[in-house]
C-alpha atoms as a PDB file:
ATOM      1  CA  UNK A   1     -34.586 -32.302 -16.550  1.00  0.00           C
ATOM      2  CA  UNK A   2     -32.166 -29.775 -18.009  1.00  0.00           C
ATOM      3  CA  UNK A   3     -30.823 -32.189 -20.619  1.00  0.00           C
ATOM      4  CA  UNK A   4     -34.310 -33.292 -21.635  1.00  0.00           C
ATOM      5  CA  UNK A   5     -35.379 -29.673 -22.078  1.00  0.00           C
ATOM      6  CA  UNK A   6     -32.172 -28.933 -24.002  1.00  0.00           C
ATOM      7  CA  UNK A   7     -32.699 -32.017 -26.205  1.00  0.00           C
ATOM      8  CA  UNK A   8     -36.093 -30.814 -27.417  1.00  0.00           C
ATOM      9  CA  UNK A   9     -34.998 -27.205 -27.859  1.00  0.00           C
ATOM     10  CA  UNK A  10     -34.785 -26.059 -31.432  1.00  0.00           C
ATOM     11  CA  UNK A  11     -31.441 -25.484 -33.101  1.00  0.00           C
ATOM     12  CA  UNK A  12     -32.166 -21.756 -33.366  1.00  0.00           C
ATOM     13  CA  UNK A  13     -32.908 -21.476 -29.638  1.00  0.00           C
ATOM     14  CA  UNK A  14     -29.733 -23.395 -28.773  1.00  0.00           C
ATOM     15  CA  UNK A  15     -27.737 -21.122 -31.016  1.00  0.00           C
ATOM     16  CA  UNK A  16     -29.189 -18.008 -29.357  1.00  0.00           C
ATOM     17  CA  UNK A  17     -28.427 -19.381 -25.893  1.00  0.00           C
ATOM     18  CA  UNK A  18     -24.854 -20.279 -26.856  1.00  0.00           C
ATOM     19  CA  UNK A  19     -24.389 -16.808 -28.313  1.00  0.00           C
ATOM     20  CA  UNK A  20     -25.642 -15.219 -25.074  1.00  0.00           C
ATOM     21  CA  UNK A  21     -23.294 -17.334 -22.964  1.00  0.00           C
ATOM     22  CA  UNK A  22     -20.325 -16.548 -25.214  1.00  0.00           C
ATOM     23  CA  UNK A  23     -21.190 -12.860 -25.165  1.00  0.00           C
ATOM     24  CA  UNK A  24     -21.339 -12.827 -21.348  1.00  0.00           C
ATOM     25  CA  UNK A  25     -17.998 -14.661 -21.156  1.00  0.00           C
ATOM     26  CA  UNK A  26     -16.406 -12.276 -23.645  1.00  0.00           C
ATOM     27  CA  UNK A  27     -17.671  -9.181 -21.813  1.00  0.00           C
ATOM     28  CA  UNK A  28     -16.466 -10.577 -18.477  1.00  0.00           C
ATOM     29  CA  UNK A  29     -13.047 -11.368 -19.960  1.00  0.00           C
ATOM     30  CA  UNK A  30     -12.831  -7.912 -21.547  1.00  0.00           C
ATOM     31  CA  UNK A  31     -13.695  -6.227 -18.229  1.00  0.00           C
ATOM     32  CA  UNK A  32     -11.062  -8.369 -16.495  1.00  0.00           C
ATOM     33  CA  UNK A  33      -8.372  -7.337 -19.013  1.00  0.00           C
ATOM     34  CA  UNK A  34      -9.325  -3.663 -18.707  1.00  0.00           C
ATOM     35  CA  UNK A  35      -9.214  -3.989 -14.917  1.00  0.00           C
ATOM     36  CA  UNK A  36      -5.726  -5.505 -15.055  1.00  0.00           C
ATOM     37  CA  UNK A  37      -4.467  -2.707 -17.299  1.00  0.00           C
ATOM     38  CA  UNK A  38      -5.982  -0.050 -15.054  1.00  0.00           C
ATOM     39  CA  UNK A  39      -4.610  -1.665 -11.871  1.00  0.00           C
ATOM     40  CA  UNK A  40      -1.146  -1.945 -13.415  1.00  0.00           C
ATOM     41  CA  UNK A  41      -0.795   1.544 -14.871  1.00  0.00           C
ATOM     42  CA  UNK A  42      -3.473   3.837 -13.385  1.00  0.00           C
ATOM     43  CA  UNK A  43      -4.793   2.727  -9.972  1.00  0.00           C
ATOM     44  CA  UNK A  44      -4.180  -0.227  -7.663  1.00  0.00           C
ATOM     45  CA  UNK A  45      -6.136  -1.510  -4.675  1.00  0.00           C
ATOM     46  CA  UNK A  46      -4.599  -2.885  -1.504  1.00  0.00           C
ATOM     47  CA  UNK A  47      -5.975  -4.505   1.602  1.00  0.00           C
ATOM     48  CA  UNK A  48      -4.320  -3.429   4.851  1.00  0.00           C
ATOM     49  CA  UNK A  49      -3.233  -6.612   6.639  1.00  0.00           C
ATOM     50  CA  UNK A  50      -1.613  -5.220   9.790  1.00  0.00           C
ATOM     51  CA  UNK A  51      -2.029  -2.418  12.302  1.00  0.00           C
ATOM     52  CA  UNK A  52       1.271  -0.719  11.438  1.00  0.00           C
ATOM     53  CA  UNK A  53      -0.499   2.465  10.316  1.00  0.00           C
ATOM     54  CA  UNK A  54      -2.881   2.967  13.227  1.00  0.00           C
ATOM     55  CA  UNK A  55      -4.623   5.262  13.971  1.00  0.00           C
ATOM     56  CA  UNK A  56      -4.850   6.172  10.264  1.00  0.00           C
ATOM     57  CA  UNK A  57      -5.596   2.648   9.001  1.00  0.00           C
ATOM     58  CA  UNK A  58      -6.637  -0.591  10.654  1.00  0.00           C
ATOM     59  CA  UNK A  59      -6.222  -4.168   9.529  1.00  0.00           C
ATOM     60  CA  UNK A  60      -8.857  -4.994   6.898  1.00  0.00           C
ATOM     61  CA  UNK A  61      -9.123  -1.486   5.438  1.00  0.00           C
ATOM     62  CA  UNK A  62      -9.106  -1.293   1.624  1.00  0.00           C
ATOM     63  CA  UNK A  63      -7.272   1.546  -0.121  1.00  0.00           C
ATOM     64  CA  UNK A  64      -6.685   2.843  -3.645  1.00  0.00           C
ATOM     65  CA  UNK A  65      -3.242   3.967  -4.794  1.00  0.00           C
ATOM     66  CA  UNK A  66      -1.934   5.711  -7.896  1.00  0.00           C
ATOM     67  CA  UNK A  67       1.617   5.388  -9.237  1.00  0.00           C
ATOM     68  CA  UNK A  68       4.162   8.187  -9.202  1.00  0.00           C
ATOM     69  CA  UNK A  69       5.026   9.259 -12.747  1.00  0.00           C
ATOM     70  CA  UNK A  70       7.462  12.028 -11.779  1.00  0.00           C
ATOM     71  CA  UNK A  71       8.658  10.695  -8.458  1.00  0.00           C
ATOM     72  CA  UNK A  72      10.895  13.522  -7.327  1.00  0.00           C
ATOM     73  CA  UNK A  73       8.170  16.143  -7.813  1.00  0.00           C
ATOM     74  CA  UNK A  74       5.119  14.251  -6.604  1.00  0.00           C
ATOM     75  CA  UNK A  75       6.214  12.904  -3.205  1.00  0.00           C
ATOM     76  CA  UNK A  76       5.292  15.458  -0.584  1.00  0.00           C
ATOM     77  CA  UNK A  77       5.963  15.440   3.132  1.00  0.00           C
ATOM     78  CA  UNK A  78       3.211  13.615   5.028  1.00  0.00           C
ATOM     79  CA  UNK A  79       2.050  11.574   2.007  1.00  0.00           C
ATOM     80  CA  UNK A  80       1.012   7.937   2.466  1.00  0.00           C
ATOM     81  CA  UNK A  81       2.941   5.755   0.030  1.00  0.00           C
ATOM     82  CA  UNK A  82       3.425   2.143  -0.975  1.00  0.00           C
ATOM     83  CA  UNK A  83       6.936   0.782  -0.571  1.00  0.00           C
ATOM     84  CA  UNK A  84       8.389  -2.097  -2.561  1.00  0.00           C
ATOM     85  CA  UNK A  85       8.673  -5.350  -0.562  1.00  0.00           C
ATOM     86  CA  UNK A  86      12.082  -6.466   0.644  1.00  0.00           C
ATOM     87  CA  UNK A  87      11.797  -9.695  -1.317  1.00  0.00           C
ATOM     88  CA  UNK A  88       9.250 -11.246  -3.635  1.00  0.00           C
ATOM     89  CA  UNK A  89       8.477 -14.986  -3.440  1.00  0.00           C
ATOM     90  CA  UNK A  90       8.450 -17.081  -6.586  1.00  0.00           C
ATOM     91  CA  UNK A  91       4.912 -17.730  -7.759  1.00  0.00           C
ATOM     92  CA  UNK A  92       3.844 -19.803 -10.750  1.00  0.00           C
ATOM     93  CA  UNK A  93       1.976 -18.292 -13.671  1.00  0.00           C
ATOM     94  CA  UNK A  94      -1.097 -20.359 -12.734  1.00  0.00           C
ATOM     95  CA  UNK A  95      -0.916 -19.117  -9.147  1.00  0.00           C
ATOM     96  CA  UNK A  96      -0.589 -15.470 -10.217  1.00  0.00           C
ATOM     97  CA  UNK A  97      -3.515 -15.824 -12.609  1.00  0.00           C
ATOM     98  CA  UNK A  98      -5.726 -17.492 -10.000  1.00  0.00           C
ATOM     99  CA  UNK A  99      -4.876 -14.782  -7.478  1.00  0.00           C
ATOM    100  CA  UNK A 100      -5.764 -12.003  -9.934  1.00  0.00           C
ATOM    101  CA  UNK A 101      -9.046 -13.670 -10.909  1.00  0.00           C
ATOM    102  CA  UNK A 102     -10.141 -14.189  -7.297  1.00  0.00           C
ATOM    103  CA  UNK A 103      -9.115 -10.631  -6.390  1.00  0.00           C
ATOM    104  CA  UNK A 104     -11.075  -9.283  -9.362  1.00  0.00           C
ATOM    105  CA  UNK A 105     -14.343 -11.022  -8.468  1.00  0.00           C
ATOM    106  CA  UNK A 106     -14.064 -10.315  -4.715  1.00  0.00           C
ATOM    107  CA  UNK A 107     -12.898  -6.682  -4.968  1.00  0.00           C
ATOM    108  CA  UNK A 108      -9.582  -7.640  -3.289  1.00  0.00           C
ATOM    109  CA  UNK A 109     -11.390  -8.925  -0.201  1.00  0.00           C
ATOM    110  CA  UNK A 110     -10.079 -12.475  -0.680  1.00  0.00           C
ATOM    111  CA  UNK A 111      -6.461 -13.422  -1.334  1.00  0.00           C
ATOM    112  CA  UNK A 112      -6.174 -17.234  -1.573  1.00  0.00           C
ATOM    113  CA  UNK A 113      -2.365 -17.117  -1.250  1.00  0.00           C
ATOM    114  CA  UNK A 114      -2.026 -14.571   1.561  1.00  0.00           C
ATOM    115  CA  UNK A 115      -1.359 -17.225   4.204  1.00  0.00           C
ATOM    116  CA  UNK A 116       1.694 -18.605   2.373  1.00  0.00           C
ATOM    117  CA  UNK A 117       3.249 -15.249   1.505  1.00  0.00           C
ATOM    118  CA  UNK A 118       5.866 -13.969   3.970  1.00  0.00           C
ATOM    119  CA  UNK A 119       5.117 -10.546   5.440  1.00  0.00           C
ATOM    120  CA  UNK A 120       8.257  -9.032   3.900  1.00  0.00           C
ATOM    121  CA  UNK A 121       7.077 -10.058   0.413  1.00  0.00           C
ATOM    122  CA  UNK A 122       4.053  -7.773   0.443  1.00  0.00           C
ATOM    123  CA  UNK A 123       4.011  -4.038  -0.335  1.00  0.00           C
ATOM    124  CA  UNK A 124       4.376  -1.833   2.716  1.00  0.00           C
ATOM    125  CA  UNK A 125       2.327   1.264   3.399  1.00  0.00           C
ATOM    126  CA  UNK A 126       4.278   4.013   5.142  1.00  0.00           C
ATOM    127  CA  UNK A 127       4.189   7.785   5.625  1.00  0.00           C
ATOM    128  CA  UNK A 128       6.810  10.083   4.103  1.00  0.00           C
ATOM    129  CA  UNK A 129       8.190  12.217   6.925  1.00  0.00           C
ATOM    130  CA  UNK A 130      11.588  13.361   5.646  1.00  0.00           C
ATOM    131  CA  UNK A 131      12.364  14.599   2.117  1.00  0.00           C
ATOM    132  CA  UNK A 132      15.662  15.365   0.311  1.00  0.00           C
ATOM    133  CA  UNK A 133      17.680  18.109   1.960  1.00  0.00           C
ATOM    134  CA  UNK A 134      16.169  17.600   5.437  1.00  0.00           C
ATOM    135  CA  UNK A 135      18.362  17.133   8.478  1.00  0.00           C
ATOM    136  CA  UNK A 136      16.492  14.851  10.854  1.00  0.00           C
ATOM    137  CA  UNK A 137      16.692  13.069  14.173  1.00  0.00           C
ATOM    138  CA  UNK A 138      14.137  11.230  16.314  1.00  0.00           C
ATOM    139  CA  UNK A 139      13.439  11.704  19.978  1.00  0.00           C
ATOM    140  CA  UNK A 140      10.523  10.245  21.900  1.00  0.00           C
ATOM    141  CA  UNK A 141       9.177   8.613  18.701  1.00  0.00           C
ATOM    142  CA  UNK A 142       8.707  12.041  17.090  1.00  0.00           C
ATOM    143  CA  UNK A 143      10.894  13.057  14.151  1.00  0.00           C
ATOM    144  CA  UNK A 144      12.514  16.477  14.372  1.00  0.00           C
ATOM    145  CA  UNK A 145      13.259  18.147  11.050  1.00  0.00           C
ATOM    146  CA  UNK A 146      15.381  21.036   9.880  1.00  0.00           C
ATOM    147  CA  UNK A 147      14.572  21.761   6.259  1.00  0.00           C
ATOM    148  CA  UNK A 148      17.323  22.911   3.901  1.00  0.00           C
ATOM    149  CA  UNK A 149      15.860  26.431   3.940  1.00  0.00           C
ATOM    150  CA  UNK A 150      15.605  26.693   7.718  1.00  0.00           C
ATOM    151  CA  UNK A 151      18.040  27.025  10.613  1.00  0.00           C
ATOM    152  CA  UNK A 152      15.886  25.491  13.353  1.00  0.00           C
ATOM    153  CA  UNK A 153      14.442  22.061  14.040  1.00  0.00           C
ATOM    154  CA  UNK A 154      10.671  21.633  14.105  1.00  0.00           C
ATOM    155  CA  UNK A 155       8.607  18.538  14.802  1.00  0.00           C
ATOM    156  CA  UNK A 156       7.266  16.481  11.916  1.00  0.00           C
ATOM    157  CA  UNK A 157       3.751  17.725  12.656  1.00  0.00           C
ATOM    158  CA  UNK A 158       4.791  21.366  12.277  1.00  0.00           C
ATOM    159  CA  UNK A 159       6.306  20.916   8.817  1.00  0.00           C
ATOM    160  CA  UNK A 160       3.966  18.253   7.354  1.00  0.00           C
ATOM    161  CA  UNK A 161       1.742  19.313   4.459  1.00  0.00           C
ATOM    162  CA  UNK A 162      -1.241  17.445   5.905  1.00  0.00           C
ATOM    163  CA  UNK A 163      -2.473  16.576   9.378  1.00  0.00           C
ATOM    164  CA  UNK A 164      -2.028  13.144  10.928  1.00  0.00           C
ATOM    165  CA  UNK A 165      -1.668  11.451  14.298  1.00  0.00           C
ATOM    166  CA  UNK A 166       0.696   8.739  15.497  1.00  0.00           C
ATOM    167  CA  UNK A 167       0.276   5.914  17.967  1.00  0.00           C
ATOM    168  CA  UNK A 168       2.946   5.618  20.655  1.00  0.00           C
ATOM    169  CA  UNK A 169       2.981   2.911  23.303  1.00  0.00           C
ATOM    170  CA  UNK A 170       5.314   2.235  26.193  1.00  0.00           C
ATOM    171  CA  UNK A 171       8.263  -0.063  25.545  1.00  0.00           C
ATOM    172  CA  UNK A 172       9.496  -2.668  28.054  1.00  0.00           C
ATOM    173  CA  UNK A 173      11.289  -1.160  31.037  1.00  0.00           C
ATOM    174  CA  UNK A 174      14.782  -2.348  30.079  1.00  0.00           C
ATOM    175  CA  UNK A 175      14.514  -1.670  26.331  1.00  0.00           C
ATOM    176  CA  UNK A 176      17.864  -0.272  25.152  1.00  0.00           C
ATOM    177  CA  UNK A 177      17.820   2.913  23.081  1.00  0.00           C
ATOM    178  CA  UNK A 178      20.123   1.271  20.522  1.00  0.00           C
ATOM    179  CA  UNK A 179      17.470  -1.327  19.679  1.00  0.00           C
ATOM    180  CA  UNK A 180      14.908  -0.816  16.869  1.00  0.00           C
ATOM    181  CA  UNK A 181      11.707   1.062  17.726  1.00  0.00           C
ATOM    182  CA  UNK A 182      13.346   2.669  20.760  1.00  0.00           C
ATOM    183  CA  UNK A 183      12.000   6.050  19.769  1.00  0.00           C
ATOM    184  CA  UNK A 184      15.430   7.504  19.014  1.00  0.00           C
ATOM    185  CA  UNK A 185      17.332   7.938  15.750  1.00  0.00           C
ATOM    186  CA  UNK A 186      20.675   9.702  15.184  1.00  0.00           C
ATOM    187  CA  UNK A 187      20.911  12.927  13.215  1.00  0.00           C
ATOM    188  CA  UNK A 188      21.355  12.517   9.454  1.00  0.00           C
ATOM    189  CA  UNK A 189      20.881  14.655   6.348  1.00  0.00           C
ATOM    190  CA  UNK A 190      18.854  13.181   3.489  1.00  0.00           C
ATOM    191  CA  UNK A 191      20.552  13.243   0.105  1.00  0.00           C
ATOM    192  CA  UNK A 192      18.966  13.885  -3.275  1.00  0.00           C
ATOM    193  CA  UNK A 193      16.345  11.249  -4.004  1.00  0.00           C
ATOM    194  CA  UNK A 194      16.244   9.979  -0.398  1.00  0.00           C
ATOM    195  CA  UNK A 195      13.062   9.860   1.690  1.00  0.00           C
ATOM    196  CA  UNK A 196      12.545   8.899   5.313  1.00  0.00           C
ATOM    197  CA  UNK A 197       9.344   6.901   5.894  1.00  0.00           C
ATOM    198  CA  UNK A 198       7.746   5.864   9.173  1.00  0.00           C
ATOM    199  CA  UNK A 199       4.828   3.827  10.518  1.00  0.00           C
ATOM    200  CA  UNK A 200       2.078   5.840  12.168  1.00  0.00           C
ATOM    201  CA  UNK A 201       2.076   3.125  14.826  1.00  0.00           C
ATOM    202  CA  UNK A 202       5.638   3.791  15.875  1.00  0.00           C
ATOM    203  CA  UNK A 203       6.438   0.460  17.543  1.00  0.00           C
ATOM    204  CA  UNK A 204       4.455  -1.860  15.261  1.00  0.00           C
ATOM    205  CA  UNK A 205       6.821  -2.688  12.405  1.00  0.00           C
ATOM    206  CA  UNK A 206       9.961  -1.818  10.469  1.00  0.00           C
ATOM    207  CA  UNK A 207      10.468   1.444   8.612  1.00  0.00           C
ATOM    208  CA  UNK A 208      13.335   3.808   7.772  1.00  0.00           C
ATOM    209  CA  UNK A 209      14.634   3.528  11.334  1.00  0.00           C
ATOM    210  CA  UNK A 210      15.649  -0.014  10.366  1.00  0.00           C
ATOM    211  CA  UNK A 211      15.956   0.235   6.564  1.00  0.00           C
ATOM    212  CA  UNK A 212      17.491   3.696   6.388  1.00  0.00           C
ATOM    213  CA  UNK A 213      16.337   6.331   3.860  1.00  0.00           C
ATOM    214  CA  UNK A 214      14.586   4.966   0.751  1.00  0.00           C
ATOM    215  CA  UNK A 215      15.464   5.680  -2.850  1.00  0.00           C
ATOM    216  CA  UNK A 216      12.334   7.110  -4.436  1.00  0.00           C
ATOM    217  CA  UNK A 217      12.903   5.820  -7.955  1.00  0.00           C
ATOM    218  CA  UNK A 218      13.416   2.212  -6.836  1.00  0.00           C
ATOM    219  CA  UNK A 219      11.477   1.731  -3.613  1.00  0.00           C
ATOM    220  CA  UNK A 220       8.529   4.147  -3.483  1.00  0.00           C
ATOM    221  CA  UNK A 221       5.955   3.150  -6.080  1.00  0.00           C
ATOM    222  CA  UNK A 222       2.616   4.805  -5.405  1.00  0.00           C
ATOM    223  CA  UNK A 223       0.556   7.158  -3.286  1.00  0.00           C
ATOM    224  CA  UNK A 224      -2.620   6.300  -1.364  1.00  0.00           C
ATOM    225  CA  UNK A 225      -5.476   8.536  -2.481  1.00  0.00           C
ATOM    226  CA  UNK A 226      -8.562   6.914  -0.974  1.00  0.00           C
ATOM    227  CA  UNK A 227      -9.880   4.405   1.570  1.00  0.00           C
ATOM    228  CA  UNK A 228     -13.039   2.771   0.204  1.00  0.00           C
ATOM    229  CA  UNK A 229     -13.589   0.010   2.771  1.00  0.00           C
ATOM    230  CA  UNK A 230     -15.184  -0.080   5.266  1.00  0.00           C
ATOM    231  CA  UNK A 231     -17.852   2.163   3.772  1.00  0.00           C
ATOM    232  CA  UNK A 232     -18.363   3.900   7.105  1.00  0.00           C
ATOM    233  CA  UNK A 233     -14.757   5.176   6.945  1.00  0.00           C
ATOM    234  CA  UNK A 234     -14.483   6.223   3.293  1.00  0.00           C
ATOM    235  CA  UNK A 235     -11.979   9.068   3.050  1.00  0.00           C
ATOM    236  CA  UNK A 236      -9.625  10.843   0.650  1.00  0.00           C
ATOM    237  CA  UNK A 237      -5.921  11.489   1.291  1.00  0.00           C
END
């Protein structure tokens, strides 16, 4: 039916239809290129794929991040940041392109290669708790901080520049305090350019207790500014 109708369509009508199709394709391609430029240099979207940041975020939440342009000045205590993955898997140009196209048309809700990517290859979302010059230690899953201008230790909640809660669960009865996620961390002083980041869900995943302090210029890439999905939990940070 379609081919018969197309066969008896005038040349002018065919030309107009082809022009419309090409124009739609060009506009879609242009929007895609603009989106890629914006997501690379202005804002980026991420889908939370674990419960490491509960109660702040849950698996499936979608967030928007912006890059740090002057890292040392922009990272404040309590900020939610994206951390570079430990390792990145090799992915072909065709695979990268397909992933970007699918992400673009599904608003990041579908990642066709997520199942084959190791967890350590994806960006981490963590909270900055210690900043350069702080002397810190952890006890009972709560970080205690003595800033470089203070003589006394305060809890992370007392010195943070924004409010947040953490999730703490009981560890197995015989869990040794020397093991990761034990809720204890020895006293250290953060050097220039070093930041101490933690999960809000304190026994869910790895953070600076295992990695050590992070170098801002190499490992901390962006700040979370908004959660836009689910719509019922839209919020700014």
